[in-house]
């Protein structure tokens, strides 16, 4: 994907906050989402710029409020819209007065799930996560034989995907202790987070028509943060032989903003397999993927306990990893998902799976950081965590930075654990 004038790191906006180097939403970013001023108002389409949200309809850029429709328009339309946004929001714009009237303060509106989600598929592309977790249960053979050949995924539950900031209750489920004769229904005691990116489908394909790897990214609107909360003890009992069910379906949290592939163009990275690993089958391979199919996105997990919040303590960072360490590229996920003829549609969501780094402290879940709960994490407050406790708030953050490019971010994805229902 070529760079153009919208990526110029020297561009500045007349929205002052967008020029702060620490702000996630400079004029080079321009992510899309939905907002409303109150619960009685229908959702509207918006773009984040600094500490503001631009109302696309009020600015005269769209004549509808259907994000799925906008996402389905395709990459050419999206690039044209990005260009119009960039021209209108940069310093010296002739559209400043019109755009200024369409701005609302981001802290004065509700941000929702970015679009209507039709289907949700969660992949398992984090090889360091898969290796670490596999070693907890299969020390001699942590990765199953198919892992390096096929992008592993399973179908999730779209109805329980919630917007950042939405609290959720600790789930109930069947739990079975190793020495127990029968399971019991009880609140999960091993509740965990999973640091992921969400891939938002923009285009789609007809049933029975696979998407070729060379056109796979044309079906992707952009990326966002995703926390696929996980009940480890429920999963341990239920997952064989068909995989996770109630251990995942109780809640998945997504960030409100979709960062487009155009905004991510300066932060692409090569896709390469370690020496000795099998190369992807032809339907998962293309020169463009090898040259720049990955994205250099730093991912972070932060935790604030209830005690920290009451004491006025800021969240504490638990881990840092990078999406470029995933074992499969975004284009490969789309190509594989459709190779059997499965049809994707605008608004479908693909989870990357937990993205961890190669070092032990780079785990994207508490399961990894605590070695299955055996070695608790000690916080600066003195509190310890093996798994999440009631009142804990987990924050996911992500950003891209590189010499010669303006830093862009993904906003925040956070959720708080509420007690289980009595």
Protein backbone atom coordinates (compact mmCIF):
# COMPACT_ATOMS: atom_id res chain seq x y z
CA UNK A 1 0.00 0.00 0.00
CA UNK A 2 1.58 3.26 -1.13
CA UNK A 3 2.08 6.29 1.08
CA UNK A 4 0.50 9.58 0.02
CA UNK A 5 0.18 13.13 1.32
CA UNK A 6 -2.17 12.04 4.12
CA UNK A 7 0.80 10.25 5.75
CA UNK A 8 3.11 13.29 5.71
CA UNK A 9 4.50 13.48 9.29
CA UNK A 10 4.75 17.27 8.96
CA UNK A 11 0.97 17.68 8.63
CA UNK A 12 -0.69 19.50 11.52
CA UNK A 13 -4.34 19.98 12.34
CA UNK A 14 -6.28 23.07 13.42
CA UNK A 15 -7.65 20.80 16.17
CA UNK A 16 -4.91 21.60 18.68
CA UNK A 17 -5.03 18.33 20.67
CA UNK A 18 -4.29 16.36 17.50
CA UNK A 19 -0.82 17.95 17.38
CA UNK A 20 0.19 16.62 20.78
CA UNK A 21 2.80 13.92 20.12
CA UNK A 22 1.25 11.72 22.80
CA UNK A 23 -2.26 11.91 21.34
CA UNK A 24 -3.49 8.74 19.62
CA UNK A 25 -5.46 10.59 16.97
CA UNK A 26 -3.37 12.99 14.88
CA UNK A 27 -4.49 14.00 11.41
CA UNK A 28 -2.42 11.11 10.01
CA UNK A 29 -4.67 8.57 11.77
CA UNK A 30 -8.40 9.38 11.30
CA UNK A 31 -10.02 6.19 12.67
CA UNK A 32 -13.74 5.47 12.26
CA UNK A 33 -16.38 4.67 14.87
CA UNK A 34 -19.90 5.37 16.11
CA UNK A 35 -21.03 7.85 18.76
CA UNK A 36 -24.14 9.39 20.27
CA UNK A 37 -24.77 12.21 22.69
CA UNK A 38 -27.22 10.24 24.85
CA UNK A 39 -28.91 6.84 24.94
CA UNK A 40 -32.08 8.19 23.33
CA UNK A 41 -30.21 9.28 20.20
CA UNK A 42 -29.40 6.91 17.32
CA UNK A 43 -25.76 6.12 16.61
CA UNK A 44 -23.92 8.51 14.27
CA UNK A 45 -20.75 7.96 12.24
CA UNK A 46 -17.65 9.70 13.48
CA UNK A 47 -13.90 10.05 13.03
CA UNK A 48 -11.52 10.69 15.93
CA UNK A 49 -9.25 13.74 15.69
CA UNK A 50 -7.33 14.79 18.80
CA UNK A 51 -9.81 15.10 21.67
CA UNK A 52 -12.76 15.54 19.32
CA UNK A 53 -15.09 13.47 17.16
CA UNK A 54 -16.03 14.68 13.70
CA UNK A 55 -19.67 13.97 12.83
CA UNK A 56 -19.39 12.72 9.24
CA UNK A 57 -22.98 13.54 8.32
CA UNK A 58 -22.83 17.03 9.84
CA UNK A 59 -19.63 17.66 7.90
CA UNK A 60 -21.40 16.68 4.68
CA UNK A 61 -19.17 13.68 4.03
CA UNK A 62 -21.88 10.98 4.24
CA UNK A 63 -25.67 11.03 3.98
CA UNK A 64 -26.40 8.02 6.20
CA UNK A 65 -25.53 6.57 9.62
CA UNK A 66 -24.78 2.97 8.61
CA UNK A 67 -21.16 2.03 9.39
CA UNK A 68 -21.54 -1.37 7.75
CA UNK A 69 -22.58 0.35 4.53
CA UNK A 70 -19.58 2.67 4.71
CA UNK A 71 -17.25 -0.27 5.39
CA UNK A 72 -18.64 -2.18 2.40
CA UNK A 73 -17.82 0.62 -0.05
CA UNK A 74 -14.31 -0.73 -0.56
CA UNK A 75 -10.76 0.62 -0.39
CA UNK A 76 -11.05 3.19 -3.20
CA UNK A 77 -13.99 4.90 -1.47
CA UNK A 78 -12.20 4.71 1.89
CA UNK A 79 -9.05 6.33 0.46
CA UNK A 80 -11.11 9.13 -1.10
CA UNK A 81 -12.91 9.73 2.20
CA UNK A 82 -9.59 9.73 4.06
CA UNK A 83 -8.24 12.33 1.63
CA UNK A 84 -11.29 14.56 2.15
CA UNK A 85 -10.95 14.24 5.93
CA UNK A 86 -7.24 15.04 5.82
CA UNK A 87 -7.78 18.12 3.64
CA UNK A 88 -10.56 19.38 5.87
CA UNK A 89 -8.80 18.86 9.21
CA UNK A 90 -5.29 20.05 8.41
CA UNK A 91 -3.92 23.55 9.00
CA UNK A 92 -4.98 26.03 6.32
CA UNK A 93 -8.06 24.07 5.28
CA UNK A 94 -10.77 25.93 3.37
CA UNK A 95 -13.27 23.56 5.03
CA UNK A 96 -12.35 24.55 8.58
CA UNK A 97 -15.53 26.47 9.41
CA UNK A 98 -17.80 23.71 8.08
CA UNK A 99 -15.85 20.95 9.81
CA UNK A 100 -15.60 22.93 13.06
CA UNK A 101 -19.39 23.00 13.34
CA UNK A 102 -19.41 19.20 13.01
CA UNK A 103 -16.98 18.57 15.91
CA UNK A 104 -18.05 17.31 19.33
CA UNK A 105 -15.92 16.75 22.42
CA UNK A 106 -15.00 13.08 22.75
CA UNK A 107 -15.57 13.15 26.52
CA UNK A 108 -19.11 14.41 26.01
CA UNK A 109 -20.37 11.51 23.89
CA UNK A 110 -20.88 7.76 24.22
CA UNK A 111 -18.67 5.62 22.00
CA UNK A 112 -20.09 2.27 20.98
CA UNK A 113 -19.15 -0.92 19.17
CA UNK A 114 -17.96 0.47 15.80
CA UNK A 115 -20.54 -1.34 13.66
CA UNK A 116 -23.19 -4.05 13.67
CA UNK A 117 -21.34 -7.35 13.98
CA UNK A 118 -22.69 -10.24 11.95
CA UNK A 119 -20.20 -12.97 12.79
CA UNK A 120 -17.12 -13.32 14.97
CA UNK A 121 -14.19 -15.68 14.47
CA UNK A 122 -11.30 -15.91 16.90
CA UNK A 123 -7.93 -17.07 15.57
CA UNK A 124 -4.86 -18.32 17.41
CA UNK A 125 -2.03 -16.52 15.61
CA UNK A 126 0.20 -15.73 18.60
CA UNK A 127 2.84 -18.44 18.42
CA UNK A 128 4.56 -17.34 21.63
CA UNK A 129 1.24 -17.53 23.48
CA UNK A 130 0.45 -20.91 21.91
CA UNK A 131 3.89 -22.27 22.83
CA UNK A 132 3.80 -21.03 26.42
CA UNK A 133 0.27 -22.23 27.07
CA UNK A 134 0.95 -25.53 25.30
CA UNK A 135 4.01 -26.11 27.45
CA UNK A 136 1.86 -25.84 30.60
CA UNK A 137 -0.12 -28.87 29.49
CA UNK A 138 2.22 -30.63 27.03
CA UNK A 139 5.81 -29.83 28.07
CA UNK A 140 7.32 -32.19 25.51
CA UNK A 141 5.09 -31.10 22.61
CA UNK A 142 3.61 -27.62 23.22
CA UNK A 143 2.51 -26.98 19.62
CA UNK A 144 0.15 -29.41 17.92
CA UNK A 145 1.28 -30.67 14.48
CA UNK A 146 -1.09 -28.45 12.49
CA UNK A 147 -0.16 -25.12 14.10
CA UNK A 148 2.56 -24.10 11.63
CA UNK A 149 0.50 -25.16 8.62
CA UNK A 150 -2.99 -23.80 9.17
CA UNK A 151 -4.36 -20.65 10.86
CA UNK A 152 -6.26 -22.12 13.80
CA UNK A 153 -9.60 -20.50 14.60
CA UNK A 154 -13.05 -21.08 16.05
CA UNK A 155 -16.42 -19.36 15.78
CA UNK A 156 -17.27 -17.05 18.66
CA UNK A 157 -20.39 -15.35 19.95
CA UNK A 158 -21.14 -11.97 18.37
CA UNK A 159 -24.01 -11.03 20.69
CA UNK A 160 -21.77 -10.66 23.76
CA UNK A 161 -19.21 -8.35 22.12
CA UNK A 162 -19.36 -5.07 24.06
CA UNK A 163 -17.86 -1.61 23.74
CA UNK A 164 -14.87 -0.46 25.75
CA UNK A 165 -15.90 0.68 29.22
CA UNK A 166 -18.74 -1.82 29.57
CA UNK A 167 -18.43 -3.78 32.84
CA UNK A 168 -19.28 -7.49 32.87
CA UNK A 169 -20.09 -10.07 35.49
CA UNK A 170 -17.79 -12.89 36.48
CA UNK A 171 -19.20 -15.89 34.63
CA UNK A 172 -20.71 -19.02 36.10
CA UNK A 173 -19.78 -22.36 34.62
CA UNK A 174 -19.10 -26.00 35.29
CA UNK A 175 -15.84 -26.47 37.19
CA UNK A 176 -14.18 -29.78 38.01
CA UNK A 177 -11.26 -30.12 40.37
CA UNK A 178 -8.67 -32.75 39.47
CA UNK A 179 -9.56 -34.83 42.54
CA UNK A 180 -13.34 -34.38 42.28
CA UNK A 181 -15.69 -37.10 41.03
CA UNK A 182 -18.16 -34.63 39.50
CA UNK A 183 -18.22 -31.01 38.37
CA UNK A 184 -20.07 -28.19 40.14
CA UNK A 185 -21.68 -24.99 38.90
CA UNK A 186 -19.77 -22.07 40.38
CA UNK A 187 -18.27 -18.67 39.54
CA UNK A 188 -15.04 -18.89 37.59
CA UNK A 189 -12.01 -18.63 39.88
CA UNK A 190 -9.47 -18.34 37.06
CA UNK A 191 -10.75 -15.37 35.07
CA UNK A 192 -8.27 -13.95 32.58
CA UNK A 193 -7.86 -11.39 29.81
CA UNK A 194 -6.45 -11.95 26.32
CA UNK A 195 -4.57 -9.21 24.49
CA UNK A 196 -5.70 -9.28 20.86
CA UNK A 197 -6.27 -7.18 17.79
CA UNK A 198 -9.58 -7.31 15.96
CA UNK A 199 -9.65 -7.41 12.16
CA UNK A 200 -12.77 -5.63 10.87
CA UNK A 201 -14.03 -6.96 7.55
CA UNK A 202 -15.01 -4.22 5.12
CA UNK A 203 -15.89 -6.03 1.92
CA UNK A 204 -17.12 -9.56 1.56
CA UNK A 205 -17.37 -12.53 -0.76
CA UNK A 206 -20.24 -14.58 -2.12
CA UNK A 207 -20.89 -18.00 -0.65
CA UNK A 208 -18.70 -20.54 -2.45
CA UNK A 209 -16.20 -17.97 -3.79
CA UNK A 210 -12.84 -17.92 -1.97
CA UNK A 211 -10.90 -14.67 -1.64
CA UNK A 212 -7.49 -14.91 -3.28
CA UNK A 213 -4.55 -13.98 -1.04
CA UNK A 214 -3.63 -11.14 -3.43
CA UNK A 215 -7.02 -9.50 -2.85
CA UNK A 216 -7.52 -10.44 0.79
CA UNK A 217 -6.61 -7.05 2.27
CA UNK A 218 -9.17 -5.39 0.00
CA UNK A 219 -11.77 -7.08 2.22
CA UNK A 220 -10.34 -5.54 5.42
CA UNK A 221 -11.51 -2.13 6.65
CA UNK A 222 -9.07 -1.83 9.53
CA UNK A 223 -7.87 -3.02 12.93
CA UNK A 224 -8.89 -2.37 16.53
CA UNK A 225 -8.14 -3.61 20.02
CA UNK A 226 -9.93 -6.70 21.33
CA UNK A 227 -9.98 -8.35 24.76
CA UNK A 228 -11.39 -11.87 24.55
CA UNK A 229 -11.95 -12.45 28.27
CA UNK A 230 -11.36 -16.08 29.18
CA UNK A 231 -12.49 -18.34 32.01
CA UNK A 232 -9.57 -20.74 32.26
CA UNK A 233 -11.15 -23.19 34.70
CA UNK A 234 -14.41 -23.45 32.75
CA UNK A 235 -12.42 -23.92 29.55
CA UNK A 236 -10.26 -26.68 31.03
CA UNK A 237 -13.34 -28.80 31.68
CA UNK A 238 -15.42 -28.00 28.58
CA UNK A 239 -12.99 -27.55 25.69
CA UNK A 240 -12.49 -31.18 24.67
CA UNK A 241 -13.42 -32.19 22.03
CA UNK A 242 -14.97 -29.09 20.39
CA UNK A 243 -13.07 -26.18 21.95
CA UNK A 244 -14.14 -23.20 24.09
CA UNK A 245 -17.81 -22.42 24.63
CA UNK A 246 -19.10 -20.81 27.85
CA UNK A 247 -15.51 -20.02 28.85
CA UNK A 248 -15.42 -17.37 26.08
CA UNK A 249 -18.96 -16.39 25.18
CA UNK A 250 -19.79 -14.34 28.29
CA UNK A 251 -17.98 -11.16 27.09
CA UNK A 252 -15.55 -9.83 24.51
CA UNK A 253 -14.55 -6.14 24.66
CA UNK A 254 -13.58 -4.07 21.62
CA UNK A 255 -12.18 -0.57 21.31
CA UNK A 256 -14.52 2.01 19.73
CA UNK A 257 -12.20 3.09 16.90
CA UNK A 258 -11.19 1.21 13.73
CA UNK A 259 -7.74 2.24 12.49
CA UNK A 260 -7.81 1.80 8.72
CA UNK A 261 -5.18 -0.07 6.73
CA UNK A 262 -4.38 3.24 5.03
CA UNK A 263 -3.41 4.81 8.37
CA UNK A 264 -1.24 1.75 9.12
CA UNK A 265 0.62 1.88 5.79
CA UNK A 266 3.79 3.52 7.21
CA UNK A 267 4.09 0.77 9.82
CA UNK A 268 4.12 -2.34 7.68
CA UNK A 269 6.71 -5.05 8.26
CA UNK A 270 7.91 -8.11 6.33
CA UNK A 271 6.35 -11.51 6.87
CA UNK A 272 8.99 -14.21 7.33
CA UNK A 273 9.13 -17.63 8.90
CA UNK A 274 11.97 -18.74 11.16
CA UNK A 275 14.55 -20.97 9.50
CA UNK A 276 13.34 -24.56 9.45
CA UNK A 277 9.65 -23.74 9.74
CA UNK A 278 7.38 -24.83 6.87
CA UNK A 279 6.49 -22.18 4.34
CA UNK A 280 2.76 -21.41 3.88
CA UNK A 281 0.86 -23.38 1.27
CA UNK A 282 0.45 -21.50 -2.05
CA UNK A 283 -3.05 -20.20 -1.24
CA UNK A 284 -1.55 -18.49 1.84
CA UNK A 285 1.50 -17.06 0.10
CA UNK A 286 2.10 -13.97 -2.04
CA UNK A 287 5.06 -11.64 -2.68
CA UNK A 288 3.18 -8.66 -1.19
CA UNK A 289 2.54 -10.57 2.03
CA UNK A 290 6.19 -11.55 2.33
CA UNK A 291 7.37 -8.01 1.65
CA UNK A 292 4.99 -6.08 3.91
CA UNK A 293 2.17 -8.28 5.17
CA UNK A 294 2.70 -7.65 8.89
CA UNK A 295 2.13 -4.55 11.02
CA UNK A 296 4.50 -3.08 13.61
CA UNK A 297 1.98 -2.36 16.38
CA UNK A 298 3.08 -2.20 20.03
CA UNK A 299 0.51 -3.73 22.36
CA UNK A 300 0.24 -3.15 26.10
CA UNK A 301 -1.79 -4.48 29.03
CA UNK A 302 -2.46 -2.31 32.09
CA UNK A 303 -4.24 -3.28 35.31
CA UNK A 304 -5.98 -1.18 37.96
CA UNK A 305 -7.38 -3.03 40.96
CA UNK A 306 -10.29 -1.76 43.01
CA UNK A 307 -7.88 -0.89 45.84
CA UNK A 308 -5.65 1.05 43.44
CA UNK A 309 -8.66 2.97 42.13
CA UNK A 310 -9.86 3.84 45.64
CA UNK A 311 -6.36 5.02 46.59
CA UNK A 312 -6.06 7.16 43.47
CA UNK A 313 -3.32 4.99 41.99
CA UNK A 314 -2.96 4.92 38.22
CA UNK A 315 -3.12 1.62 36.30
CA UNK A 316 0.09 -0.41 36.21
CA UNK A 317 1.51 -1.88 33.02
CA UNK A 318 1.77 -5.66 33.08
CA UNK A 319 3.22 -6.50 29.67
CA UNK A 320 4.29 -5.26 26.24
CA UNK A 321 4.25 -7.22 22.97
CA UNK A 322 4.06 -6.53 19.23
CA UNK A 323 1.66 -7.66 16.53
CA UNK A 324 4.51 -8.23 14.07
CA UNK A 325 5.34 -11.36 16.11
CA UNK A 326 2.06 -13.04 15.12
CA UNK A 327 2.57 -16.24 13.13
CA UNK A 328 -0.01 -15.42 10.46
CA UNK A 329 -0.65 -12.16 8.58
CA UNK A 330 -4.03 -10.42 8.28
CA UNK A 331 -4.30 -11.31 4.58
CA UNK A 332 -3.70 -14.97 5.38
CA UNK A 333 -6.54 -15.02 7.90
CA UNK A 334 -8.99 -13.74 5.28
CA UNK A 335 -7.71 -16.09 2.58
CA UNK A 336 -7.91 -19.10 4.88
CA UNK A 337 -11.30 -18.18 6.30
CA UNK A 338 -12.79 -18.13 2.80
CA UNK A 339 -10.83 -20.89 1.03
CA UNK A 340 -13.64 -23.37 1.71
CA UNK A 341 -16.20 -20.95 0.27
CA UNK A 342 -17.25 -19.40 3.59
CA UNK A 343 -18.74 -15.97 2.97
CA UNK A 344 -17.60 -12.92 4.95
CA UNK A 345 -19.62 -9.71 5.15
CA UNK A 346 -19.00 -6.10 6.11
CA UNK A 347 -18.92 -5.85 9.88
CA UNK A 348 -17.64 -9.35 10.51
CA UNK A 349 -14.91 -9.46 13.14
CA UNK A 350 -11.81 -11.66 13.23
CA UNK A 351 -9.81 -11.88 16.46
CA UNK A 352 -6.06 -12.33 16.15
CA UNK A 353 -5.75 -14.56 19.18
CA UNK A 354 -3.55 -13.61 22.13
CA UNK A 355 -0.44 -11.74 21.00
CA UNK A 356 2.53 -12.35 23.28
CA UNK A 357 6.21 -11.66 22.84
CA UNK A 358 9.09 -14.14 23.01
CA UNK A 359 10.16 -13.16 26.54
CA UNK A 360 8.31 -14.51 29.61
CA UNK A 361 7.37 -11.00 30.75
CA UNK A 362 5.70 -10.33 27.38
CA UNK A 363 2.76 -12.66 27.94
CA UNK A 364 -0.58 -11.40 26.67
CA UNK A 365 -2.54 -13.11 29.48
CA UNK A 366 -2.22 -13.80 33.18
CA UNK A 367 -2.13 -17.51 32.40
CA UNK A 368 1.28 -16.91 30.85
CA UNK A 369 2.59 -14.26 33.24
CA UNK A 370 1.79 -16.40 36.29
CA UNK A 371 2.74 -19.74 34.70
CA UNK A 372 -0.73 -21.13 35.08
CA UNK A 373 -1.34 -19.38 38.39
CA UNK A 374 1.72 -20.88 40.10
CA UNK A 375 3.75 -17.64 40.28
CA UNK A 376 1.60 -14.60 41.12
CA UNK A 377 2.28 -11.15 39.68
CA UNK A 378 3.14 -8.66 42.43
CA UNK A 379 1.97 -5.11 41.81
CA UNK A 380 3.63 -1.92 43.04
CA UNK A 381 0.78 -1.59 45.57
CA UNK A 382 1.82 -4.92 47.11
CA UNK A 383 -1.24 -6.72 45.82
CA UNK A 384 -0.79 -10.00 43.98
CA UNK A 385 -2.70 -11.50 41.10
CA UNK A 386 -2.80 -15.02 39.77
CA UNK A 387 -6.03 -14.32 37.91
CA UNK A 388 -8.47 -11.40 37.86
CA UNK A 389 -10.44 -10.46 40.94
CA UNK A 390 -13.74 -8.60 41.23
CA UNK A 391 -13.27 -4.88 40.73
CA UNK A 392 -10.19 -5.27 38.52
CA UNK A 393 -10.11 -3.11 35.39
CA UNK A 394 -7.95 -4.23 32.47
CA UNK A 395 -6.82 -1.65 29.91
CA UNK A 396 -5.46 -2.62 26.49
CA UNK A 397 -3.50 -0.01 24.55
CA UNK A 398 -1.73 0.00 21.18
CA UNK A 399 0.26 2.41 19.07
CA UNK A 400 2.58 2.58 16.08
CA UNK A 401 5.72 4.67 15.93
CA UNK A 402 8.63 4.68 13.55
CA UNK A 403 11.28 7.23 12.48
CA UNK A 404 9.93 9.35 9.65
CA UNK A 405 6.26 8.72 10.53
CA UNK A 406 3.82 10.36 12.92
CA UNK A 407 2.92 8.21 15.91
CA UNK A 408 -0.67 6.95 15.80
CA UNK A 409 -2.66 5.06 18.42
CA UNK A 410 -5.75 2.89 18.79
CA UNK A 411 -7.41 4.52 21.77
CA UNK A 412 -8.31 2.45 24.78
CA UNK A 413 -10.05 -0.88 25.30
CA UNK A 414 -11.02 -1.46 28.92
CA UNK A 415 -13.48 -3.43 31.01
CA UNK A 416 -14.14 -4.02 34.71
CA UNK A 417 -14.98 -7.33 36.39
CA UNK A 418 -18.19 -7.29 38.44
CA UNK A 419 -19.08 -9.99 40.99
CA UNK A 420 -20.93 -13.05 39.72
CA UNK A 421 -24.67 -13.12 40.15
CA UNK A 422 -25.73 -14.74 43.40
